[in-house]
Amino acid sequence: MMDRRQFILSLLGAAAERILLPSVLSAAEERPRLRIAVISDINHSYGTIGYDPPVKAAIRRIIALQPDLVLCTGDMIAGQRTSPKLRRKQLESMWHSFHNTITRPLQKAGIPFAPTPGNHDASASPGFGLERDVYREQWKKNKPNLSFLAGGSFPFYYAFAMNGVLFASLDTTVTSALATDQVMWLKKILENMGEASKARIVFGHIPLYPLTVGREQSFLRDPTLEKLFTEGSVSVYLSGHHHGFYPFYHNRIHCVGQAALGSGPRRLIGKQKRSPRAFTWIEVSENGTLNISAYSGPNFTQILPRSSLPKMITANGITIMRDDLK
């Protein structure tokens, strides 16, 4: 649901945050425990070096909002095709452009950036070993300054804590179930956090359930992971890949599919229009409650109304429900 702060912003635009909000909001409302921006699928067509104006506009807007953290749920560059095969020099040029457009502006603004791999930048499918190698090298050189927890395999799957909130990145670039070692690692992380985590946010590229037209078959088929999310009290699972913003519940699992910032926005199943380009905005309250919304383009100053999203989505015998209706 839209809180008071977001409602005022939607009415008054970006100027409200700079000028009016301090005079109408209490200190508690003004600054929650954590504020998080989530971006996803920012790449363009295969092999493209550089990014569309909306991507740059979104980053400017995020910097203006000054979140505590930016997460990315994958597809940061435009790889993954067997022919013509991308060479190392091309991949490194694409990553150079990414860092100049995303990583360095956020670093300069003092905002940490936590990535998770996508199929277009670090696919685990056979034949893309070089892309995964370059992905690993790039993030080893640009490792964010975060409080990482022991274990994992940065930059593919790893965990960190920030202000009492647990974050865990999953390596989900293919639609098969997670490998046993990754499942056991996540189980241990969730068990060992105990009451120390006010909220538990897990993020990966492939969603648990289908969301958009053309991607009905491209989702994780992993009952073990779903059970772990439920038993481990995961607050939300953030995913990319489907190119449509949709916050929802299935059974007791809260998920948010991210919109695409790059090319290829898709239609949510049951909708006629393509989803707008957007980034997700999450505010974690002092007691760990999540307030989730999305700012849509072209200037990313407008909050995307929940009412514009389907009440339910059904595909492959699975029905998911918009989170405000749960």
Foldseek 3Di string as FASTA:
>chain_A
DDDPVQVVLQVPWPVCLVPPVVVPDDPQVNAFLFKEWEAEAQEEEALDAAGDLQLLLQQVVCLSVDTQEYEYAENQYAADDVPPHDDPVSLVSNVVSSCVRHVVVCVVSVHWYAYEYALRQQAPPPPCNSSNVVVQVSCVVVPTDFAWDPDDDPPHWTWGDDSQAIEIEHNPHAQEEDDPVRLVVVLVVLVVCPNSHLAYEYEHAFAQADWFPPCRPGHHPYVSVVVSCVVSVHREYEYEDQQAWAWWDFPHHTYTYAHHSGDDFTHTVPDDDGHFHWMKMWGQHPNGDIDIWIQGDDNSSHTDDLVVDDQWDDGPNGIIGGHVVD
